[in-house]
Amino acid sequence: MSETLIATKGLQERITARIHEGIGDLVTEADLRVIVERGVEEFFFKPRVVEDTGWHGRKTIPPLIQEIVDAVLKEQMRRAIDQWMKDNKETIKQAVEAAIKRGIAGVLADVLDERFTSLFNSVIYNMQNQGMLPKGPASP
């Protein structure tokens, strides 16, 4: 038996007791134990198959234990991130300001490049029409 099943032993015992109350006279204790162990393994640890009514046929989703762990860890991660953000406000502020400055500088550079390229091409075109430069594509 794997370590993950050992961790669920209490749950297995409760399920066994509940089933034994209802149908205990139909199955032996050993059979019931095997059924419960297999059921716990299937329910928590195997990928689940979802019937799809479309052309795709069957679709699998992650095991239930993964969803449970994700839900627990997501909340813990959210709390850890919130705490880090609260403890590091100055670091975050500096990073945001630097990103904004880089972003504004990049936008300004793009605008200036576009304006000067357009102006440069216009000057070359006019010089070509006046015979000051040979006709052909303008070289930036």
Foldseek 3Di string as FASTA:
>chain_A
DDPVLVVCVVVLVVVLVVVCVVCVVPDDSVVSSVVSSVVVCCQAADWAWDADPDPPGIDTHGGNVVVVVCVVVVVVVVVVVVVVCVVPVVVVVVVVVVVVVVVVVVVVVVVVVVVVVVVQQVVVVVCCVVVNDPDDHDDD
